[in-house]
């Protein structure tokens, strides 16, 4: 069993940056890939970005390419997502997720991750 705990969400003005964090309770096969998925009100969940074990590979949604950076600190089992130039349409609950699988671009749509955090709300004001 893996527990994922997100932090760093909040209210942000458009154009600013934000860094989300996620701490995993363990380093196991199920956290080979750690990723972020977001869900905006009234919309389906959307893959944002993923990072493989050791940070050796990353995968970004087309909509986020060039506007966010995913990273990982293996020593502390912590993953980060830095989002730049935030837009109101980035408003969503951001979930930290993990899986033993890895896929190169594009990440499969509707992929079912193994573990989920409780989510952290990001609200971007115009």
Foldseek 3Di string as FASTA:
>chain_A
DKAKAKDWADEAAAQAKTKMKIAIPDDDLQAQKKFKWWDDPPDDIGGAKMAGPPRPDIEGDPVQPPFKDWDADPVGRMIMIMGGRDDQVVWTWMKMFTGNDDDHPPDDPPDDTDDIYPTDTHGYDD
